[in-house]
Amino acid sequence: MKKIYLLSLIVLFALTKTDAQVWTSLGTNALGTSSLNVKALAVSPVDGSIYAGGTFNGTINYIAKRNSASGVWEAIGSSVNGPVYALTFYNNELYVGGVFTTAGGNAAKNIAKLSSSGTWSAVGNGVDDQVNCLFVSTNNTLYAGGKFNNNGTATAALAHIAKWNGSDWAAVGNGLSSSIIRTIAEYNSTIYVGTENTATPIYSFNGSSFSAVTSVTGGKVYALATYGNYLYAGGDFSQPTFAATRFNGSTWGTISTTFLASEHISSLYVRAGVLYIGGVFTNKGVTNNANYIAKVLLQGSNPTPLQTILSGNSLGGDVFAINNSNGKVLAGGNFTTWNNAAITSTTIGVDEITNVVSDLKFYPNPVQSSATLEISFNEFVGSTSISFYDMQSRLITLPVETQNDGTHSRFSIDCSTLPEGNYFYMVSSEGKAVANGMFVK
């Protein structure tokens, strides 16, 4: 087992009062202006470091790392020489996509890699135009999507989407020449892409070619996310509903809240049964105070109405990126009040997680071939079940033996086939979450 920094165990038991929480600046120095903003956020699975990428330049150019001690955004060496639109960790190294020709002073065509030691390098021959998104699949394949048509030496036709083969960027089937790709996700073991084709903005890949997914039309798709039995899409489309929709494998329908034709969704992020939605919208949700970023609880088959994350203040601008650091929500975008990158002042809990847990033990952590979770409740909760998710919030299946008497649950978990990495778990009773947390293998 390789050495991995153990992230703090996140167990959210009590409903935290949102009126006591506020957004604060993620860093103490500015990342851009109203026209130069944050497009991507990433959190290291190794040490929890926070990275931001975007169109900002000046003291810090296009990508920054937050100093965990001082909270100050810092440059990473000589950085990249152009805008950054995508960040993701792949095999514990940070991959960066955008529009640039150098990284750390070395030639790198629109995709670069930052090693754990802080060294910049090219990723193969790169690609010949803008990278909008990076995505890691469940079989650990790294994909890139964007405006590009070839690899960086024009020796491989890529048609807006490529996968990393260990030495260079390779074609994904015949690619998707009909439209620029904005986002990539995996749903039911199938790759889906969201594009700028306003007639049919979503496509699926069957292993050899891409096909249009019908019924979503009238605009672009900027974000895709998956959870359980659904694929979620956000953008500026008009059908089947404005801006946001979900797919069950055959039909599309509303998520929970009706958006207006003048509104759009720029980002989606799922963590531990909560869908976070960012974009340009105001006065949404059950209390009509969800502005620019909101959440939907995905417990059971029906999502809750849109809810504000907190009511202490508002971001006041488009949200292009959402992430999470030790239970606190991160947002990046175009809101200069918070220097275009903000964090919740306290941990944001899941509203369904109630104050019923009197004791919880998860051991060993890090795990080896097996682990045990024991929970005691201070009231009768009935039968319980446990679900597991990877760092991309994708549901994974592990063999579990469960013992439960209504006030105490014990889960014996077989982790022998689980790859090394960081994982979330959620314990539910009667469709409602009662505990969640994190473990490492």
Protein backbone atom coordinates (compact mmCIF):
# COMPACT_ATOMS: atom_id res chain seq x y z
CA MET A 1 0.00 0.00 0.00
CA LYS A 2 1.54 3.32 -1.06
CA LYS A 3 1.67 6.22 1.34
CA ILE A 4 -1.35 8.49 0.98
CA TYR A 5 -2.12 11.56 3.01
CA LEU A 6 -5.14 10.73 5.10
CA LEU A 7 -7.80 13.36 4.61
CA SER A 8 -9.77 14.29 7.68
CA LEU A 9 -12.67 11.96 8.31
CA ILE A 10 -15.84 13.78 7.40
CA VAL A 11 -18.85 12.68 9.38
CA LEU A 12 -21.72 15.12 9.29
CA PHE A 13 -24.31 14.25 11.89
CA ALA A 14 -26.16 17.40 12.81
CA LEU A 15 -28.05 19.79 10.62
CA THR A 16 -25.94 22.95 10.55
CA LYS A 17 -27.90 26.22 10.56
CA THR A 18 -27.34 27.91 7.23
CA ASP A 19 -28.11 31.36 8.59
CA ALA A 20 -24.84 31.22 10.58
CA GLN A 21 -22.76 30.51 7.52
CA VAL A 22 -21.28 32.85 4.94
CA TRP A 23 -19.16 32.75 1.82
CA THR A 24 -15.62 33.99 2.30
CA SER A 25 -12.72 34.49 -0.10
CA LEU A 26 -10.85 31.26 -0.73
CA GLY A 27 -7.58 33.17 -1.07
CA THR A 28 -6.46 36.48 0.40
CA ASN A 29 -5.33 37.88 -2.94
CA ALA A 30 -7.38 38.37 -6.08
CA LEU A 31 -7.62 35.92 -8.96
CA GLY A 32 -8.71 38.15 -11.81
CA THR A 33 -11.35 40.82 -12.38
CA SER A 34 -14.87 40.84 -13.74
CA SER A 35 -13.55 39.72 -17.13
CA LEU A 36 -10.65 37.56 -15.91
CA ASN A 37 -11.97 34.83 -13.69
CA VAL A 38 -11.74 31.28 -12.31
CA LYS A 39 -12.81 28.45 -14.64
CA ALA A 40 -11.67 25.31 -12.78
CA LEU A 41 -10.94 24.09 -9.24
CA ALA A 42 -9.16 20.92 -8.09
CA VAL A 43 -8.36 19.43 -4.68
CA SER A 44 -5.37 17.12 -4.35
CA PRO A 45 -6.21 13.57 -3.17
CA VAL A 46 -2.65 13.36 -1.83
CA ASP A 47 -2.39 16.34 0.51
CA GLY A 48 -5.63 18.29 0.16
CA SER A 49 -4.02 21.25 -1.64
CA ILE A 50 -6.43 23.50 -3.56
CA TYR A 51 -5.72 24.64 -7.13
CA ALA A 52 -7.52 27.20 -9.28
CA GLY A 53 -7.24 27.73 -13.04
CA GLY A 54 -8.76 30.37 -15.27
CA THR A 55 -8.28 33.41 -17.45
CA PHE A 56 -6.73 35.53 -14.68
CA ASN A 57 -3.24 36.99 -15.15
CA GLY A 58 -1.05 39.59 -13.52
CA THR A 59 0.82 38.71 -10.34
CA ILE A 60 -0.36 35.13 -10.83
CA ASN A 61 -0.88 33.79 -14.34
CA TYR A 62 -3.69 31.35 -15.19
CA ILE A 63 -3.13 28.77 -12.44
CA ALA A 64 -2.59 29.13 -8.70
CA LYS A 65 -2.09 26.99 -5.62
CA ARG A 66 -3.52 28.03 -2.29
CA ASN A 67 -1.03 28.14 0.55
CA SER A 68 -2.76 26.02 3.19
CA ALA A 69 -1.08 27.89 6.06
CA SER A 70 -1.53 31.51 4.98
CA GLY A 71 -4.50 31.19 2.62
CA VAL A 72 -2.63 33.14 -0.04
CA TRP A 73 -2.82 32.14 -3.72
CA GLU A 74 0.65 31.41 -5.06
CA ALA A 75 2.12 30.93 -8.52
CA ILE A 76 3.37 27.45 -9.44
CA GLY A 77 6.81 27.97 -10.91
CA SER A 78 6.65 29.83 -14.21
CA SER A 79 3.15 28.45 -14.75
CA VAL A 80 1.51 28.15 -18.18
CA ASN A 81 1.38 31.00 -20.67
CA GLY A 82 -2.34 30.98 -21.44
CA PRO A 83 -5.81 30.46 -19.98
CA VAL A 84 -6.68 27.28 -18.06
CA TYR A 85 -10.15 25.77 -18.45
CA ALA A 86 -9.76 22.28 -16.96
CA LEU A 87 -8.04 20.71 -13.95
CA THR A 88 -8.13 17.11 -12.77
CA PHE A 89 -5.99 14.71 -10.77
CA TYR A 90 -4.94 11.53 -12.57
CA ASN A 91 -2.71 9.00 -10.81
CA ASN A 92 -2.14 11.62 -8.10
CA GLU A 93 -0.71 14.21 -10.52
CA LEU A 94 -2.44 17.40 -11.62
CA TYR A 95 -3.37 17.61 -15.31
CA VAL A 96 -4.08 21.05 -16.76
CA GLY A 97 -5.96 21.87 -19.97
CA GLY A 98 -6.52 25.16 -21.73
CA VAL A 99 -4.96 27.36 -24.40
CA PHE A 100 -1.19 27.61 -23.90
CA THR A 101 2.09 26.67 -25.56
CA THR A 102 4.41 26.40 -22.56
CA ALA A 103 4.27 25.04 -19.01
CA GLY A 104 7.06 25.73 -16.56
CA GLY A 105 9.02 27.20 -19.45
CA ASN A 106 8.83 23.97 -21.45
CA ALA A 107 6.86 23.41 -24.66
CA ALA A 108 3.40 22.00 -23.92
CA LYS A 109 0.52 22.27 -26.37
CA ASN A 110 -2.68 22.99 -24.46
CA ILE A 111 -2.27 20.10 -21.96
CA ALA A 112 0.37 19.90 -19.24
CA LYS A 113 1.11 17.91 -16.10
CA LEU A 114 2.28 19.04 -12.69
CA SER A 115 4.09 16.33 -10.76
CA SER A 116 3.77 15.83 -7.02
CA SER A 117 7.19 17.49 -6.67
CA GLY A 118 5.99 20.61 -8.51
CA THR A 119 7.65 19.95 -11.87
CA TRP A 120 5.85 20.91 -15.09
CA SER A 121 5.97 18.71 -18.18
CA ALA A 122 4.19 18.18 -21.48
CA VAL A 123 1.66 15.35 -21.83
CA GLY A 124 2.72 13.56 -25.00
CA ASN A 125 2.46 15.83 -28.03
CA GLY A 126 -0.53 17.65 -26.60
CA VAL A 127 -3.38 18.79 -28.86
CA ASP A 128 -3.68 21.53 -31.49
CA ASP A 129 -6.35 23.75 -29.91
CA GLN A 130 -8.26 24.59 -26.75
CA VAL A 131 -9.01 21.98 -24.06
CA ASN A 132 -12.30 22.60 -22.24
CA CYS A 133 -12.55 19.54 -20.01
CA LEU A 134 -10.59 16.63 -18.53
CA PHE A 135 -12.26 13.49 -17.17
CA VAL A 136 -11.09 10.23 -15.57
CA SER A 137 -13.32 7.19 -16.18
CA THR A 138 -13.95 4.28 -13.83
CA ASN A 139 -11.40 2.17 -15.74
CA ASN A 140 -8.81 4.91 -15.09
CA THR A 141 -8.74 6.32 -18.61
CA LEU A 142 -8.00 10.04 -18.93
CA TYR A 143 -10.12 11.87 -21.52
CA ALA A 144 -9.81 15.40 -22.89
CA GLY A 145 -12.47 17.36 -24.79
CA GLY A 146 -12.50 20.73 -26.48
CA LYS A 147 -11.95 22.58 -29.76
CA PHE A 148 -8.95 20.56 -30.98
CA ASN A 149 -8.97 18.42 -34.14
CA ASN A 150 -5.56 16.72 -33.94
CA ASN A 151 -2.75 15.94 -31.58
CA GLY A 152 0.00 18.53 -31.28
CA THR A 153 2.01 17.20 -34.21
CA ALA A 154 -1.01 16.64 -36.47
CA THR A 155 -0.19 12.94 -36.68
CA ALA A 156 -3.45 11.77 -35.09
CA ALA A 157 -6.97 12.98 -35.93
CA LEU A 158 -8.90 13.49 -32.70
CA ALA A 159 -12.07 15.45 -33.61
CA HIS A 160 -12.66 17.26 -30.30
CA ILE A 161 -12.12 14.30 -27.96
CA ALA A 162 -9.05 12.21 -27.09
CA LYS A 163 -7.81 9.70 -24.55
CA TRP A 164 -4.35 9.35 -23.07
CA ASN A 165 -2.67 6.05 -24.00
CA GLY A 166 0.43 6.51 -21.86
CA SER A 167 2.58 8.09 -24.55
CA ASP A 168 0.29 10.35 -26.59
CA TRP A 169 -3.31 11.42 -27.18
CA ALA A 170 -5.33 8.89 -29.18
CA ALA A 171 -8.67 9.00 -30.99
CA VAL A 172 -11.92 8.00 -29.29
CA GLY A 173 -13.67 6.16 -32.10
CA ASN A 174 -14.06 8.63 -34.94
CA GLY A 175 -14.38 11.51 -32.51
CA LEU A 176 -17.12 14.10 -32.75
CA SER A 177 -16.43 16.47 -35.63
CA SER A 178 -19.90 18.04 -35.50
CA SER A 179 -19.40 20.12 -32.35
CA ILE A 180 -16.97 21.49 -29.77
CA ILE A 181 -17.06 19.46 -26.53
CA ARG A 182 -17.59 21.30 -23.23
CA THR A 183 -17.94 18.47 -20.69
CA ILE A 184 -17.49 14.69 -20.32
CA ALA A 185 -19.13 12.23 -17.91
CA GLU A 186 -19.69 8.49 -17.51
CA TYR A 187 -23.17 7.04 -17.03
CA ASN A 188 -23.96 3.32 -16.91
CA SER A 189 -20.41 2.54 -18.12
CA THR A 190 -20.94 4.73 -21.20
CA ILE A 191 -19.12 7.97 -22.01
CA TYR A 192 -21.39 10.99 -22.57
CA VAL A 193 -20.33 14.42 -23.79
CA GLY A 194 -22.00 17.82 -23.65
CA THR A 195 -21.35 20.08 -26.62
CA GLU A 196 -22.01 23.43 -28.28
CA ASN A 197 -24.29 21.86 -30.89
CA THR A 198 -27.52 23.64 -29.99
CA ALA A 199 -29.69 21.21 -31.96
CA THR A 200 -28.40 18.05 -30.25
CA PRO A 201 -25.93 19.03 -27.54
CA ILE A 202 -25.51 15.61 -25.87
CA TYR A 203 -23.85 12.54 -27.42
CA SER A 204 -23.04 9.06 -26.15
CA PHE A 205 -20.18 6.79 -27.19
CA ASN A 206 -20.96 3.11 -27.88
CA GLY A 207 -17.33 1.99 -28.01
CA SER A 208 -16.80 2.78 -31.68
CA SER A 209 -18.82 5.89 -32.56
CA PHE A 210 -20.81 8.77 -31.09
CA SER A 211 -24.59 9.11 -31.38
CA ALA A 212 -26.82 12.06 -30.57
CA VAL A 213 -28.97 11.70 -27.45
CA THR A 214 -32.36 13.11 -28.39
CA SER A 215 -34.84 15.32 -26.51
CA VAL A 216 -32.33 17.86 -25.18
CA THR A 217 -32.22 20.77 -27.63
CA GLY A 218 -32.27 24.53 -28.04
CA GLY A 219 -28.90 25.36 -26.50
CA LYS A 220 -25.49 24.22 -25.31
CA VAL A 221 -24.60 21.79 -22.51
CA TYR A 222 -21.88 23.11 -20.23
CA ALA A 223 -21.93 20.50 -17.46
CA LEU A 224 -22.71 16.82 -16.89
CA ALA A 225 -22.76 14.82 -13.65
CA THR A 226 -23.94 11.37 -12.59
CA TYR A 227 -25.38 9.90 -9.43
CA GLY A 228 -27.19 6.61 -8.93
CA ASN A 229 -29.58 5.95 -11.79
CA TYR A 230 -29.42 9.41 -13.36
CA LEU A 231 -27.31 11.56 -15.66
CA TYR A 232 -27.66 15.28 -14.92
CA ALA A 233 -27.12 18.01 -17.54
CA GLY A 234 -26.85 21.77 -17.26
CA GLY A 235 -26.52 24.53 -19.85
CA ASP A 236 -28.57 27.13 -21.68
CA PHE A 237 -30.90 24.75 -23.58
CA SER A 238 -34.66 25.17 -23.74
CA GLN A 239 -35.92 21.55 -23.98
CA PRO A 240 -37.12 19.48 -22.19
CA THR A 241 -36.79 22.13 -19.47
CA PHE A 242 -34.78 25.33 -19.34
CA ALA A 243 -31.14 25.02 -18.25
CA ALA A 244 -31.25 21.76 -16.24
CA THR A 245 -32.52 18.22 -16.78
CA ARG A 246 -31.86 14.60 -15.79
CA PHE A 247 -31.82 11.33 -17.74
CA ASN A 248 -32.85 7.87 -16.49
CA GLY A 249 -31.49 5.99 -19.49
CA SER A 250 -34.55 6.46 -21.67
CA THR A 251 -36.26 9.78 -20.93
CA TRP A 252 -35.33 13.28 -19.76
CA GLY A 253 -37.17 15.19 -17.07
CA THR A 254 -36.90 18.04 -14.60
CA ILE A 255 -34.42 17.90 -11.72
CA SER A 256 -36.50 19.77 -9.17
CA THR A 257 -36.81 23.44 -9.99
CA THR A 258 -37.97 25.28 -13.11
CA PHE A 259 -35.39 27.73 -14.44
CA LEU A 260 -36.12 30.65 -16.75
CA ALA A 261 -35.12 31.11 -20.39
CA SER A 262 -32.82 33.93 -19.30
CA GLU A 263 -30.93 31.68 -16.84
CA HIS A 264 -28.26 29.05 -17.39
CA ILE A 265 -26.27 26.37 -15.58
CA SER A 266 -22.46 26.48 -15.87
CA SER A 267 -21.37 23.77 -13.40
CA LEU A 268 -22.60 20.60 -11.69
CA TYR A 269 -20.89 18.73 -8.88
CA VAL A 270 -22.05 15.68 -6.91
CA ARG A 271 -20.78 14.69 -3.50
CA ALA A 272 -22.28 12.24 -1.01
CA GLY A 273 -25.79 12.37 -2.37
CA VAL A 274 -25.97 16.11 -2.98
CA LEU A 275 -26.05 17.74 -6.41
CA TYR A 276 -24.55 21.24 -6.41
CA ILE A 277 -25.66 23.52 -9.24
CA GLY A 278 -23.82 26.69 -10.27
CA GLY A 279 -24.60 29.31 -12.90
CA VAL A 280 -26.68 32.43 -13.39
CA PHE A 281 -30.04 32.19 -11.61
CA THR A 282 -31.73 34.04 -8.77
CA ASN A 283 -34.62 33.61 -6.33
CA LYS A 284 -34.90 29.85 -6.72
CA GLY A 285 -35.91 27.08 -4.36
CA VAL A 286 -38.36 26.56 -1.57
CA THR A 287 -37.37 29.80 0.17
CA ASN A 288 -36.62 31.72 -3.05
CA ASN A 289 -33.15 32.68 -1.88
CA ALA A 290 -30.96 30.29 -3.88
CA ASN A 291 -28.79 32.56 -6.03
CA TYR A 292 -26.01 31.52 -8.43
CA ILE A 293 -25.24 28.31 -6.54
CA ALA A 294 -27.64 25.87 -4.90
CA LYS A 295 -28.05 22.24 -3.89
CA VAL A 296 -30.47 19.40 -4.50
CA LEU A 297 -30.60 16.38 -2.18
CA LEU A 298 -30.65 13.20 -4.24
CA GLN A 299 -31.91 10.78 -1.60
CA GLY A 300 -34.35 8.22 -2.96
CA SER A 301 -35.89 8.37 -6.44
CA ASN A 302 -37.04 11.99 -6.26
CA PRO A 303 -34.72 14.96 -5.64
CA THR A 304 -35.72 17.63 -3.16
CA PRO A 305 -36.63 21.13 -4.33
CA LEU A 306 -33.66 23.41 -4.98
CA GLN A 307 -32.19 24.74 -1.74
CA THR A 308 -29.80 27.49 -0.88
CA ILE A 309 -26.41 26.27 0.36
CA LEU A 310 -26.34 29.10 2.87
CA SER A 311 -28.26 32.30 3.34
CA GLY A 312 -25.63 34.53 4.92
CA ASN A 313 -24.66 36.21 1.63
CA SER A 314 -24.62 35.65 -2.12
CA LEU A 315 -21.80 35.06 -4.58
CA GLY A 316 -23.35 37.52 -7.01
CA GLY A 317 -21.96 36.07 -10.23
CA ASP A 318 -21.66 33.08 -12.56
CA VAL A 319 -20.24 29.90 -10.98
CA PHE A 320 -18.02 27.97 -13.40
CA ALA A 321 -16.52 25.44 -10.96
CA ILE A 322 -17.57 23.70 -7.75
CA ASN A 323 -15.53 21.43 -5.50
CA ASN A 324 -15.20 20.40 -1.86
CA SER A 325 -12.44 20.62 0.72
CA ASN A 326 -12.96 18.78 4.00
CA GLY A 327 -16.71 19.33 3.88
CA LYS A 328 -16.55 22.98 2.86
CA VAL A 329 -17.95 23.91 -0.55
CA LEU A 330 -15.61 25.69 -2.98
CA ALA A 331 -16.86 27.88 -5.82
CA GLY A 332 -14.95 29.52 -8.65
CA GLY A 333 -16.30 31.90 -11.24
CA ASN A 334 -17.05 35.53 -11.97
CA PHE A 335 -17.79 37.18 -8.63
CA THR A 336 -15.16 39.78 -7.79
CA THR A 337 -16.53 40.41 -4.28
CA TRP A 338 -14.84 37.16 -3.27
CA ASN A 339 -11.87 37.46 -5.67
CA ASN A 340 -13.58 34.95 -8.01
CA ALA A 341 -12.94 32.02 -5.64
CA ALA A 342 -14.98 31.43 -2.49
CA ILE A 343 -15.40 28.88 0.29
CA THR A 344 -18.16 28.31 2.83
CA SER A 345 -17.14 29.47 6.29
CA THR A 346 -18.12 26.17 7.87
CA THR A 347 -18.81 22.62 6.83
CA ILE A 348 -21.99 22.22 4.79
CA GLY A 349 -23.97 19.19 5.93
CA VAL A 350 -26.58 17.10 4.20
CA ASP A 351 -29.99 18.19 5.45
CA GLU A 352 -31.23 14.61 5.72
CA ILE A 353 -28.41 13.75 8.13
CA THR A 354 -30.04 14.13 11.50
CA ASN A 355 -28.72 14.18 15.03
CA VAL A 356 -29.31 10.50 15.73
CA VAL A 357 -25.75 9.13 15.92
CA SER A 358 -24.28 8.71 19.39
CA ASP A 359 -21.09 6.87 18.36
CA LEU A 360 -19.31 5.91 15.14
CA LYS A 361 -16.17 3.84 14.51
CA PHE A 362 -14.64 3.08 11.09
CA TYR A 363 -11.55 0.87 11.27
CA PRO A 364 -8.90 0.37 10.11
CA ASN A 365 -8.42 3.60 8.19
CA PRO A 366 -6.49 3.38 5.89
CA VAL A 367 -8.05 0.01 5.06
CA GLN A 368 -6.37 -3.09 3.72
CA SER A 369 -8.44 -6.09 2.63
CA SER A 370 -11.43 -5.35 4.86
CA ALA A 371 -12.95 -2.69 7.08
CA THR A 372 -15.66 -2.37 9.71
CA LEU A 373 -18.08 0.47 10.38
CA GLU A 374 -19.99 0.46 13.67
CA ILE A 375 -22.69 3.04 14.42
CA SER A 376 -24.79 3.49 17.55
CA PHE A 377 -27.97 5.59 17.41
CA ASN A 378 -29.62 7.51 20.21
CA GLU A 379 -33.07 6.60 18.89
CA PHE A 380 -34.65 3.81 16.88
CA VAL A 381 -33.86 4.31 13.17
CA GLY A 382 -34.90 0.95 11.72
CA SER A 383 -32.96 -0.88 9.02
CA THR A 384 -29.88 0.73 7.50
CA SER A 385 -27.86 0.37 4.30
CA ILE A 386 -24.48 1.66 3.14
CA SER A 387 -23.33 3.05 -0.21
CA PHE A 388 -19.81 3.80 -1.46
CA TYR A 389 -18.50 6.45 -3.88
CA ASP A 390 -15.16 7.32 -5.44
CA MET A 391 -13.67 10.83 -5.51
CA GLN A 392 -15.73 11.63 -8.62
CA SER A 393 -18.85 10.71 -6.59
CA ARG A 394 -19.47 7.63 -8.75
CA LEU A 395 -21.32 4.80 -7.02
CA ILE A 396 -19.16 1.71 -6.50
CA THR A 397 -20.17 -1.75 -5.30
CA LEU A 398 -18.45 -3.58 -2.43
CA PRO A 399 -19.49 -6.81 -0.69
CA VAL A 400 -20.97 -5.97 2.73
CA GLU A 401 -22.33 -8.01 5.60
CA THR A 402 -24.80 -6.00 7.69
CA GLN A 403 -25.96 -6.50 11.26
CA ASN A 404 -28.68 -4.18 12.52
CA ASP A 405 -31.08 -4.08 15.46
CA GLY A 406 -32.58 -0.63 14.91
CA THR A 407 -30.31 1.21 17.34
CA HIS A 408 -26.93 -0.20 16.31
CA SER A 409 -25.53 -1.12 12.89
CA ARG A 410 -22.36 -3.00 12.02
CA PHE A 411 -21.07 -3.19 8.43
CA SER A 412 -18.29 -5.66 7.54
CA ILE A 413 -16.87 -4.43 4.22
CA ASP A 414 -14.78 -6.46 1.76
CA CYS A 415 -12.22 -4.04 0.27
CA SER A 416 -9.92 -6.64 -1.29
CA THR A 417 -10.68 -5.62 -4.90
CA LEU A 418 -10.80 -1.88 -4.21
CA PRO A 419 -8.01 0.13 -5.92
CA GLU A 420 -5.88 2.42 -3.78
CA GLY A 421 -7.44 5.83 -3.33
CA ASN A 422 -9.88 7.93 -1.33
CA TYR A 423 -13.56 6.98 -0.98
CA PHE A 424 -16.79 8.22 0.58
CA TYR A 425 -19.48 6.17 2.32
CA MET A 426 -23.06 7.06 3.18
CA VAL A 427 -25.35 5.24 5.60
CA SER A 428 -29.09 5.58 5.00
CA SER A 429 -32.25 4.59 6.81
CA GLU A 430 -35.66 4.61 5.11
CA GLY A 431 -34.26 6.66 2.21
CA LYS A 432 -32.64 9.30 4.42
CA ALA A 433 -28.93 9.68 5.16
CA VAL A 434 -27.92 9.30 8.80
CA ALA A 435 -24.11 9.39 8.49
CA ASN A 436 -21.36 9.78 5.93
CA GLY A 437 -17.60 9.88 5.92
CA MET A 438 -14.36 9.17 4.11
CA PHE A 439 -11.80 6.36 4.12
CA VAL A 440 -8.53 5.63 2.36
CA LYS A 441 -7.01 2.48 0.93
